[in-house]
Amino acid sequence: MKKIEAIIAAAINNPADVLFSDLCRVCNHYFGQPRQQGTSHRVYRTPWQGDPRVNIQKSGNKAKAYQVKQVLKAISRMEKEHGK
Protein backbone atom coordinates (compact mmCIF):
# COMPACT_ATOMS: atom_id res chain seq x y z
CA MET A 1 0.00 0.00 0.00
CA LYS A 2 1.41 3.33 -1.06
CA LYS A 3 1.89 6.04 1.52
CA ILE A 4 -0.03 9.25 1.09
CA GLU A 5 3.15 11.31 0.70
CA ALA A 6 4.40 9.05 -2.10
CA ILE A 7 1.11 9.31 -3.96
CA ILE A 8 1.15 13.11 -3.67
CA ALA A 9 4.76 13.31 -4.88
CA ALA A 10 3.92 11.13 -7.88
CA ALA A 11 0.82 13.26 -8.61
CA ILE A 12 2.88 16.45 -8.57
CA ASN A 13 5.36 14.96 -11.03
CA ASN A 14 2.77 13.44 -13.37
CA PRO A 15 -0.90 14.27 -12.69
CA ALA A 16 -2.01 12.29 -15.75
CA ASP A 17 -0.70 9.02 -14.32
CA VAL A 18 -2.50 8.79 -10.96
CA LEU A 19 -4.67 5.79 -10.21
CA PHE A 20 -8.21 6.69 -9.20
CA SER A 21 -7.96 4.44 -6.14
CA ASP A 22 -4.79 6.25 -5.03
CA LEU A 23 -6.44 9.65 -5.44
CA CYS A 24 -9.43 8.40 -3.41
CA ARG A 25 -7.04 7.32 -0.65
CA VAL A 26 -5.45 10.79 -0.60
CA CYS A 27 -8.83 12.56 -0.59
CA ASN A 28 -10.15 10.33 2.21
CA HIS A 29 -7.05 11.14 4.25
CA TYR A 30 -7.37 14.92 3.88
CA PHE A 31 -11.12 15.45 3.51
CA GLY A 32 -12.79 12.42 5.11
CA GLN A 33 -15.31 10.17 3.46
CA PRO A 34 -16.98 11.58 0.33
CA ARG A 35 -20.41 13.09 0.74
CA GLN A 36 -21.35 11.56 -2.58
CA GLN A 37 -20.16 8.31 -4.09
CA GLY A 38 -21.70 5.47 -6.00
CA THR A 39 -22.18 7.54 -9.13
CA SER A 40 -19.41 8.37 -11.56
CA HIS A 41 -18.21 11.14 -9.20
CA ARG A 42 -16.92 11.32 -5.66
CA VAL A 43 -17.54 14.67 -4.03
CA TYR A 44 -15.67 15.62 -0.86
CA ARG A 45 -16.49 18.32 1.69
CA THR A 46 -13.99 21.11 2.24
CA PRO A 47 -13.91 23.61 5.11
CA TRP A 48 -14.36 26.46 2.62
CA GLN A 49 -16.92 27.31 -0.01
CA GLY A 50 -16.02 27.49 -3.67
CA ASP A 51 -12.77 26.62 -5.38
CA PRO A 52 -10.78 24.54 -5.22
CA ARG A 53 -13.51 21.95 -5.12
CA VAL A 54 -12.77 18.29 -4.57
CA ASN A 55 -14.84 16.38 -7.10
CA ILE A 56 -13.13 13.42 -8.74
CA GLN A 57 -14.08 10.78 -11.27
CA LYS A 58 -12.53 7.85 -13.07
CA SER A 59 -11.09 7.87 -16.53
CA GLY A 60 -10.50 4.18 -17.07
CA ASN A 61 -8.57 3.16 -13.95
CA LYS A 62 -6.88 6.58 -13.69
CA ALA A 63 -8.06 9.88 -12.27
CA LYS A 64 -8.54 12.82 -14.61
CA ALA A 65 -5.42 15.01 -14.66
CA TYR A 66 -7.23 18.34 -14.18
CA GLN A 67 -9.01 16.92 -11.13
CA VAL A 68 -5.70 15.68 -9.70
CA LYS A 69 -4.42 19.25 -9.99
CA GLN A 70 -7.54 20.56 -8.22
CA VAL A 71 -7.00 18.06 -5.38
CA LEU A 72 -3.37 19.17 -5.05
CA LYS A 73 -4.49 22.82 -4.84
CA ALA A 74 -7.08 21.91 -2.21
CA ILE A 75 -4.48 20.03 -0.16
CA SER A 76 -2.14 23.01 -0.36
CA ARG A 77 -4.91 25.33 0.82
CA MET A 78 -5.87 22.91 3.60
CA GLU A 79 -2.28 22.77 4.84
CA LYS A 80 -1.92 26.58 4.78
CA GLU A 81 -5.23 27.35 6.47
CA HIS A 82 -5.64 24.40 8.82
CA GLY A 83 -2.14 23.07 9.34
CA LYS A 84 -3.08 19.55 8.32
PDB file of N, CA and C in Angstrom:
ATOM      1  N   MET A   1       0.835  -1.177   0.000  1.00  0.00           N
ATOM      2  CA  MET A   1       0.000   0.000   0.000  1.00  0.00           C
ATOM      3  C   MET A   1       0.884   1.246   0.000  1.00  0.00           C
ATOM      4  N   LYS A   2       0.605   2.120  -0.928  1.00  0.00           N
ATOM      5  CA  LYS A   2       1.414   3.333  -1.057  1.00  0.00           C
ATOM      6  C   LYS A   2       1.092   4.299   0.063  1.00  0.00           C
ATOM      7  N   LYS A   3       2.107   5.004   0.510  1.00  0.00           N
ATOM      8  CA  LYS A   3       1.891   6.041   1.516  1.00  0.00           C
ATOM      9  C   LYS A   3       1.355   7.288   0.836  1.00  0.00           C
ATOM     10  N   ILE A   4       0.601   8.044   1.604  1.00  0.00           N
ATOM     11  CA  ILE A   4      -0.034   9.255   1.090  1.00  0.00           C
ATOM     12  C   ILE A   4       1.000  10.202   0.486  1.00  0.00           C
ATOM     13  N   GLU A   5       2.121  10.382   1.177  1.00  0.00           N
ATOM     14  CA  GLU A   5       3.154  11.307   0.696  1.00  0.00           C
ATOM     15  C   GLU A   5       3.719  10.869  -0.652  1.00  0.00           C
ATOM     16  N   ALA A   6       3.882   9.571  -0.834  1.00  0.00           N
ATOM     17  CA  ALA A   6       4.405   9.048  -2.099  1.00  0.00           C
ATOM     18  C   ALA A   6       3.414   9.266  -3.238  1.00  0.00           C
ATOM     19  N   ILE A   7       2.142   9.092  -2.946  1.00  0.00           N
ATOM     20  CA  ILE A   7       1.111   9.311  -3.963  1.00  0.00           C
ATOM     21  C   ILE A   7       1.090  10.783  -4.365  1.00  0.00           C
ATOM     22  N   ILE A   8       1.169  11.673  -3.381  1.00  0.00           N
ATOM     23  CA  ILE A   8       1.154  13.109  -3.668  1.00  0.00           C
ATOM     24  C   ILE A   8       2.376  13.507  -4.487  1.00  0.00           C
ATOM     25  N   ALA A   9       3.542  12.995  -4.123  1.00  0.00           N
ATOM     26  CA  ALA A   9       4.763  13.310  -4.880  1.00  0.00           C
ATOM     27  C   ALA A   9       4.641  12.842  -6.322  1.00  0.00           C
ATOM     28  N   ALA A  10       4.112  11.638  -6.524  1.00  0.00           N
ATOM     29  CA  ALA A  10       3.924  11.126  -7.883  1.00  0.00           C
ATOM     30  C   ALA A  10       2.909  11.975  -8.644  1.00  0.00           C
ATOM     31  N   ALA A  11       1.856  12.431  -7.968  1.00  0.00           N
ATOM     32  CA  ALA A  11       0.824  13.258  -8.610  1.00  0.00           C
ATOM     33  C   ALA A  11       1.380  14.611  -9.034  1.00  0.00           C
ATOM     34  N   ILE A  12       2.260  15.169  -8.212  1.00  0.00           N
ATOM     35  CA  ILE A  12       2.876  16.452  -8.570  1.00  0.00           C
ATOM     36  C   ILE A  12       3.730  16.289  -9.820  1.00  0.00           C
ATOM     37  N   ASN A  13       4.472  15.197  -9.890  1.00  0.00           N
ATOM     38  CA  ASN A  13       5.364  14.956 -11.034  1.00  0.00           C
ATOM     39  C   ASN A  13       4.620  14.594 -12.306  1.00  0.00           C
ATOM     40  N   ASN A  14       3.504  13.871 -12.180  1.00  0.00           N
ATOM     41  CA  ASN A  14       2.774  13.437 -13.368  1.00  0.00           C
ATOM     42  C   ASN A  14       1.288  13.277 -13.038  1.00  0.00           C
ATOM     43  N   PRO A  15       0.509  14.360 -13.064  1.00  0.00           N
ATOM     44  CA  PRO A  15      -0.904  14.270 -12.694  1.00  0.00           C
ATOM     45  C   PRO A  15      -1.744  13.403 -13.629  1.00  0.00           C
ATOM     46  N   ALA A  16      -1.254  13.117 -14.807  1.00  0.00           N
ATOM     47  CA  ALA A  16      -2.014  12.289 -15.745  1.00  0.00           C
ATOM     48  C   ALA A  16      -1.851  10.795 -15.477  1.00  0.00           C
ATOM     49  N   ASP A  17      -0.980  10.431 -14.564  1.00  0.00           N
ATOM     50  CA  ASP A  17      -0.699   9.016 -14.320  1.00  0.00           C
ATOM     51  C   ASP A  17      -0.990   8.627 -12.869  1.00  0.00           C
ATOM     52  N   VAL A  18      -2.114   9.100 -12.334  1.00  0.00           N
ATOM     53  CA  VAL A  18      -2.501   8.787 -10.957  1.00  0.00           C
ATOM     54  C   VAL A  18      -3.691   7.834 -10.998  1.00  0.00           C
ATOM     55  N   LEU A  19      -3.566   6.728 -10.296  1.00  0.00           N
ATOM     56  CA  LEU A  19      -4.673   5.791 -10.213  1.00  0.00           C
ATOM     57  C   LEU A  19      -5.821   6.423  -9.432  1.00  0.00           C
ATOM     58  N   PHE A  20      -7.037   6.157  -9.873  1.00  0.00           N
ATOM     59  CA  PHE A  20      -8.210   6.692  -9.196  1.00  0.00           C
ATOM     60  C   PHE A  20      -8.256   6.217  -7.750  1.00  0.00           C
ATOM     61  N   SER A  21      -7.934   4.966  -7.511  1.00  0.00           N
ATOM     62  CA  SER A  21      -7.962   4.437  -6.142  1.00  0.00           C
ATOM     63  C   SER A  21      -6.944   5.145  -5.251  1.00  0.00           C
ATOM     64  N   ASP A  22      -5.783   5.501  -5.799  1.00  0.00           N
ATOM     65  CA  ASP A  22      -4.787   6.247  -5.029  1.00  0.00           C
ATOM     66  C   ASP A  22      -5.288   7.657  -4.700  1.00  0.00           C
ATOM     67  N   LEU A  23      -5.920   8.305  -5.681  1.00  0.00           N
ATOM     68  CA  LEU A  23      -6.443   9.649  -5.439  1.00  0.00           C
ATOM     69  C   LEU A  23      -7.564   9.603  -4.397  1.00  0.00           C
ATOM     70  N   CYS A  24      -8.383   8.570  -4.430  1.00  0.00           N
ATOM     71  CA  CYS A  24      -9.428   8.400  -3.413  1.00  0.00           C
ATOM     72  C   CYS A  24      -8.802   8.262  -2.030  1.00  0.00           C
ATOM     73  N   ARG A  25      -7.732   7.510  -1.927  1.00  0.00           N
ATOM     74  CA  ARG A  25      -7.042   7.320  -0.655  1.00  0.00           C
ATOM     75  C   ARG A  25      -6.532   8.665  -0.119  1.00  0.00           C
ATOM     76  N   VAL A  26      -5.952   9.472  -0.997  1.00  0.00           N
ATOM     77  CA  VAL A  26      -5.454  10.789  -0.596  1.00  0.00           C
ATOM     78  C   VAL A  26      -6.612  11.683  -0.150  1.00  0.00           C
ATOM     79  N   CYS A  27      -7.674  11.718  -0.921  1.00  0.00           N
ATOM     80  CA  CYS A  27      -8.828  12.561  -0.586  1.00  0.00           C
ATOM     81  C   CYS A  27      -9.465  12.121   0.730  1.00  0.00           C
ATOM     82  N   ASN A  28      -9.594  10.822   0.946  1.00  0.00           N
ATOM     83  CA  ASN A  28     -10.149  10.331   2.205  1.00  0.00           C
ATOM     84  C   ASN A  28      -9.280  10.756   3.379  1.00  0.00           C
ATOM     85  N   HIS A  29      -7.973  10.744   3.186  1.00  0.00           N
ATOM     86  CA  HIS A  29      -7.047  11.137   4.247  1.00  0.00           C
ATOM     87  C   HIS A  29      -7.220  12.614   4.618  1.00  0.00           C
ATOM     88  N   TYR A  30      -7.311  13.475   3.626  1.00  0.00           N
ATOM     89  CA  TYR A  30      -7.370  14.916   3.878  1.00  0.00           C
ATOM     90  C   TYR A  30      -8.779  15.440   4.135  1.00  0.00           C
ATOM     91  N   PHE A  31      -9.781  14.879   3.482  1.00  0.00           N
ATOM     92  CA  PHE A  31     -11.120  15.452   3.514  1.00  0.00           C
ATOM     93  C   PHE A  31     -12.184  14.545   4.121  1.00  0.00           C
ATOM     94  N   GLY A  32     -11.813  13.351   4.552  1.00  0.00           N
ATOM     95  CA  GLY A  32     -12.790  12.418   5.111  1.00  0.00           C
ATOM     96  C   GLY A  32     -13.525  11.658   4.016  1.00  0.00           C
ATOM     97  N   GLN A  33     -14.530  10.944   4.421  1.00  0.00           N
ATOM     98  CA  GLN A  33     -15.311  10.171   3.464  1.00  0.00           C
ATOM     99  C   GLN A  33     -16.076  11.107   2.531  1.00  0.00           C
ATOM    100  N   PRO A  34     -16.255  10.709   1.269  1.00  0.00           N
ATOM    101  CA  PRO A  34     -16.976  11.578   0.329  1.00  0.00           C
ATOM    102  C   PRO A  34     -18.438  11.715   0.725  1.00  0.00           C
ATOM    103  N   ARG A  35     -18.988  12.892   0.457  1.00  0.00           N
ATOM    104  CA  ARG A  35     -20.409  13.091   0.742  1.00  0.00           C
ATOM    105  C   ARG A  35     -21.267  12.491  -0.362  1.00  0.00           C
ATOM    106  N   GLN A  36     -20.649  12.228  -1.486  1.00  0.00           N
ATOM    107  CA  GLN A  36     -21.351  11.558  -2.582  1.00  0.00           C
ATOM    108  C   GLN A  36     -20.404  10.554  -3.195  1.00  0.00           C
ATOM    109  N   GLN A  37     -20.896   9.333  -3.355  1.00  0.00           N
ATOM    110  CA  GLN A  37     -20.160   8.312  -4.089  1.00  0.00           C
ATOM    111  C   GLN A  37     -21.187   7.330  -4.614  1.00  0.00           C
ATOM    112  N   GLY A  38     -20.769   6.417  -5.426  1.00  0.00           N
ATOM    113  CA  GLY A  38     -21.703   5.467  -5.998  1.00  0.00           C
ATOM    114  C   GLY A  38     -22.132   5.857  -7.397  1.00  0.00           C
ATOM    115  N   THR A  39     -21.948   7.113  -7.754  1.00  0.00           N
ATOM    116  CA  THR A  39     -22.181   7.537  -9.128  1.00  0.00           C
ATOM    117  C   THR A  39     -20.810   7.591  -9.798  1.00  0.00           C
ATOM    118  N   SER A  40     -20.705   8.276 -10.898  1.00  0.00           N
ATOM    119  CA  SER A  40     -19.411   8.369 -11.559  1.00  0.00           C
ATOM    120  C   SER A  40     -18.474   9.346 -10.846  1.00  0.00           C
ATOM    121  N   HIS A  41     -19.010  10.143  -9.922  1.00  0.00           N
ATOM    122  CA  HIS A  41     -18.214  11.143  -9.204  1.00  0.00           C
ATOM    123  C   HIS A  41     -18.124  10.812  -7.720  1.00  0.00           C
ATOM    124  N   ARG A  42     -17.048  11.275  -7.119  1.00  0.00           N
ATOM    125  CA  ARG A  42     -16.924  11.316  -5.659  1.00  0.00           C
ATOM    126  C   ARG A  42     -16.730  12.775  -5.299  1.00  0.00           C
ATOM    127  N   VAL A  43     -17.575  13.267  -4.425  1.00  0.00           N
ATOM    128  CA  VAL A  43     -17.541  14.673  -4.031  1.00  0.00           C
ATOM    129  C   VAL A  43     -17.183  14.731  -2.548  1.00  0.00           C
ATOM    130  N   TYR A  44     -16.155  15.501  -2.226  1.00  0.00           N
ATOM    131  CA  TYR A  44     -15.669  15.619  -0.856  1.00  0.00           C
ATOM    132  C   TYR A  44     -15.993  17.001  -0.303  1.00  0.00           C
ATOM    133  N   ARG A  45     -16.253  17.050   1.002  1.00  0.00           N
ATOM    134  CA  ARG A  45     -16.487  18.323   1.687  1.00  0.00           C
ATOM    135  C   ARG A  45     -15.146  18.990   1.968  1.00  0.00           C
ATOM    136  N   THR A  46     -15.154  20.312   1.866  1.00  0.00           N
ATOM    137  CA  THR A  46     -13.987  21.106   2.243  1.00  0.00           C
ATOM    138  C   THR A  46     -14.439  22.133   3.271  1.00  0.00           C
ATOM    139  N   PRO A  47     -13.521  22.628   4.101  1.00  0.00           N
ATOM    140  CA  PRO A  47     -13.910  23.608   5.111  1.00  0.00           C
ATOM    141  C   PRO A  47     -14.141  25.010   4.553  1.00  0.00           C
ATOM    142  N   TRP A  48     -14.116  25.170   3.248  1.00  0.00           N
ATOM    143  CA  TRP A  48     -14.364  26.461   2.622  1.00  0.00           C
ATOM    144  C   TRP A  48     -15.411  26.271   1.535  1.00  0.00           C
ATOM    145  N   GLN A  49     -15.982  27.367   1.105  1.00  0.00           N
ATOM    146  CA  GLN A  49     -16.919  27.315  -0.013  1.00  0.00           C
ATOM    147  C   GLN A  49     -16.186  27.693  -1.283  1.00  0.00           C
ATOM    148  N   GLY A  50     -16.608  27.137  -2.384  1.00  0.00           N
ATOM    149  CA  GLY A  50     -16.016  27.495  -3.672  1.00  0.00           C
ATOM    150  C   GLY A  50     -14.750  26.724  -3.986  1.00  0.00           C
ATOM    151  N   ASP A  51     -13.960  27.293  -4.872  1.00  0.00           N
ATOM    152  CA  ASP A  51     -12.767  26.620  -5.377  1.00  0.00           C
ATOM    153  C   ASP A  51     -11.625  26.680  -4.377  1.00  0.00           C
ATOM    154  N   PRO A  52     -10.728  25.733  -4.386  1.00  0.00           N
ATOM    155  CA  PRO A  52     -10.782  24.540  -5.223  1.00  0.00           C
ATOM    156  C   PRO A  52     -11.733  23.498  -4.650  1.00  0.00           C
ATOM    157  N   ARG A  53     -12.572  23.005  -5.501  1.00  0.00           N
ATOM    158  CA  ARG A  53     -13.507  21.950  -5.124  1.00  0.00           C
ATOM    159  C   ARG A  53     -12.797  20.608  -5.237  1.00  0.00           C
ATOM    160  N   VAL A  54     -13.326  19.642  -4.507  1.00  0.00           N
ATOM    161  CA  VAL A  54     -12.767  18.292  -4.572  1.00  0.00           C
ATOM    162  C   VAL A  54     -13.871  17.375  -5.085  1.00  0.00           C
ATOM    163  N   ASN A  55     -13.847  17.175  -6.386  1.00  0.00           N
ATOM    164  CA  ASN A  55     -14.835  16.382  -7.097  1.00  0.00           C
ATOM    165  C   ASN A  55     -14.049  15.555  -8.104  1.00  0.00           C
ATOM    166  N   ILE A  56     -13.977  14.253  -7.890  1.00  0.00           N
ATOM    167  CA  ILE A  56     -13.135  13.416  -8.741  1.00  0.00           C
ATOM    168  C   ILE A  56     -13.960  12.350  -9.430  1.00  0.00           C
ATOM    169  N   GLN A  57     -13.439  11.870 -10.554  1.00  0.00           N
ATOM    170  CA  GLN A  57     -14.084  10.785 -11.269  1.00  0.00           C
ATOM    171  C   GLN A  57     -13.042   9.981 -12.028  1.00  0.00           C
ATOM    172  N   LYS A  58     -13.430   8.754 -12.357  1.00  0.00           N
ATOM    173  CA  LYS A  58     -12.526   7.853 -13.069  1.00  0.00           C
ATOM    174  C   LYS A  58     -12.442   8.196 -14.544  1.00  0.00           C
ATOM    175  N   SER A  59     -11.292   7.874 -15.089  1.00  0.00           N
ATOM    176  CA  SER A  59     -11.093   7.875 -16.528  1.00  0.00           C
ATOM    177  C   SER A  59     -10.351   6.576 -16.816  1.00  0.00           C
ATOM    178  N   GLY A  60     -11.098   5.513 -17.049  1.00  0.00           N
ATOM    179  CA  GLY A  60     -10.496   4.177 -17.070  1.00  0.00           C
ATOM    180  C   GLY A  60     -10.194   3.798 -15.632  1.00  0.00           C
ATOM    181  N   ASN A  61      -8.951   3.428 -15.335  1.00  0.00           N
ATOM    182  CA  ASN A  61      -8.575   3.165 -13.946  1.00  0.00           C
ATOM    183  C   ASN A  61      -7.780   4.331 -13.356  1.00  0.00           C
ATOM    184  N   LYS A  62      -7.638   5.396 -14.116  1.00  0.00           N
ATOM    185  CA  LYS A  62      -6.884   6.580 -13.693  1.00  0.00           C
ATOM    186  C   LYS A  62      -7.849   7.694 -13.287  1.00  0.00           C
ATOM    187  N   ALA A  63      -7.308   8.669 -12.586  1.00  0.00           N
ATOM    188  CA  ALA A  63      -8.058   9.883 -12.275  1.00  0.00           C
ATOM    189  C   ALA A  63      -7.798  10.893 -13.396  1.00  0.00           C
ATOM    190  N   LYS A  64      -8.728  11.795 -13.584  1.00  0.00           N
ATOM    191  CA  LYS A  64      -8.541  12.822 -14.607  1.00  0.00           C
ATOM    192  C   LYS A  64      -7.485  13.818 -14.133  1.00  0.00           C
ATOM    193  N   ALA A  65      -6.578  14.181 -15.021  1.00  0.00           N
ATOM    194  CA  ALA A  65      -5.422  15.009 -14.664  1.00  0.00           C
ATOM    195  C   ALA A  65      -5.837  16.366 -14.093  1.00  0.00           C
ATOM    196  N   TYR A  66      -6.838  17.018 -14.685  1.00  0.00           N
ATOM    197  CA  TYR A  66      -7.226  18.335 -14.179  1.00  0.00           C
ATOM    198  C   TYR A  66      -7.814  18.228 -12.769  1.00  0.00           C
ATOM    199  N   GLN A  67      -8.459  17.104 -12.471  1.00  0.00           N
ATOM    200  CA  GLN A  67      -9.009  16.916 -11.134  1.00  0.00           C
ATOM    201  C   GLN A  67      -7.901  16.603 -10.125  1.00  0.00           C
ATOM    202  N   VAL A  68      -6.860  15.907 -10.561  1.00  0.00           N
ATOM    203  CA  VAL A  68      -5.703  15.678  -9.696  1.00  0.00           C
ATOM    204  C   VAL A  68      -5.090  17.018  -9.313  1.00  0.00           C
ATOM    205  N   LYS A  69      -4.971  17.924 -10.273  1.00  0.00           N
ATOM    206  CA  LYS A  69      -4.416  19.255  -9.991  1.00  0.00           C
ATOM    207  C   LYS A  69      -5.304  20.023  -9.016  1.00  0.00           C
ATOM    208  N   GLN A  70      -6.628  19.895  -9.151  1.00  0.00           N
ATOM    209  CA  GLN A  70      -7.540  20.556  -8.220  1.00  0.00           C
ATOM    210  C   GLN A  70      -7.370  20.002  -6.807  1.00  0.00           C
ATOM    211  N   VAL A  71      -7.204  18.691  -6.690  1.00  0.00           N
ATOM    212  CA  VAL A  71      -6.997  18.064  -5.384  1.00  0.00           C
ATOM    213  C   VAL A  71      -5.696  18.571  -4.765  1.00  0.00           C
ATOM    214  N   LEU A  72      -4.640  18.670  -5.569  1.00  0.00           N
ATOM    215  CA  LEU A  72      -3.365  19.168  -5.052  1.00  0.00           C
ATOM    216  C   LEU A  72      -3.497  20.611  -4.560  1.00  0.00           C
ATOM    217  N   LYS A  73      -4.252  21.447  -5.279  1.00  0.00           N
ATOM    218  CA  LYS A  73      -4.492  22.823  -4.836  1.00  0.00           C
ATOM    219  C   LYS A  73      -5.275  22.836  -3.535  1.00  0.00           C
ATOM    220  N   ALA A  74      -6.261  21.969  -3.425  1.00  0.00           N
ATOM    221  CA  ALA A  74      -7.075  21.907  -2.212  1.00  0.00           C
ATOM    222  C   ALA A  74      -6.240  21.446  -1.020  1.00  0.00           C
ATOM    223  N   ILE A  75      -5.361  20.498  -1.234  1.00  0.00           N
ATOM    224  CA  ILE A  75      -4.479  20.027  -0.160  1.00  0.00           C
ATOM    225  C   ILE A  75      -3.555  21.159   0.278  1.00  0.00           C
ATOM    226  N   SER A  76      -3.014  21.884  -0.674  1.00  0.00           N
ATOM    227  CA  SER A  76      -2.145  23.009  -0.361  1.00  0.00           C
ATOM    228  C   SER A  76      -2.892  24.050   0.472  1.00  0.00           C
ATOM    229  N   ARG A  77      -4.104  24.353   0.069  1.00  0.00           N
ATOM    230  CA  ARG A  77      -4.906  25.329   0.817  1.00  0.00           C
ATOM    231  C   ARG A  77      -5.225  24.796   2.209  1.00  0.00           C
ATOM    232  N   MET A  78      -5.568  23.518   2.306  1.00  0.00           N
ATOM    233  CA  MET A  78      -5.873  22.909   3.602  1.00  0.00           C
ATOM    234  C   MET A  78      -4.667  23.010   4.546  1.00  0.00           C
ATOM    235  N   GLU A  79      -3.491  22.715   4.006  1.00  0.00           N
ATOM    236  CA  GLU A  79      -2.285  22.769   4.836  1.00  0.00           C
ATOM    237  C   GLU A  79      -1.979  24.195   5.290  1.00  0.00           C
ATOM    238  N   LYS A  80      -2.174  25.175   4.422  1.00  0.00           N
ATOM    239  CA  LYS A  80      -1.921  26.577   4.777  1.00  0.00           C
ATOM    240  C   LYS A  80      -2.913  27.084   5.815  1.00  0.00           C
ATOM    241  N   GLU A  81      -4.182  26.782   5.621  1.00  0.00           N
ATOM    242  CA  GLU A  81      -5.230  27.350   6.473  1.00  0.00           C
ATOM    243  C   GLU A  81      -5.475  26.551   7.750  1.00  0.00           C
ATOM    244  N   HIS A  82      -5.249  25.252   7.691  1.00  0.00           N
ATOM    245  CA  HIS A  82      -5.638  24.400   8.817  1.00  0.00           C
ATOM    246  C   HIS A  82      -4.491  23.576   9.371  1.00  0.00           C
ATOM    247  N   GLY A  83      -3.315  23.756   8.821  1.00  0.00           N
ATOM    248  CA  GLY A  83      -2.138  23.068   9.344  1.00  0.00           C
ATOM    249  C   GLY A  83      -2.219  21.566   9.331  1.00  0.00           C
ATOM    250  N   LYS A  84      -2.951  21.007   8.392  1.00  0.00           N
ATOM    251  CA  LYS A  84      -3.076  19.549   8.322  1.00  0.00           C
ATOM    252  C   LYS A  84      -1.995  18.941   7.501  1.00  0.00           C
TER     253      LYS A  84
END
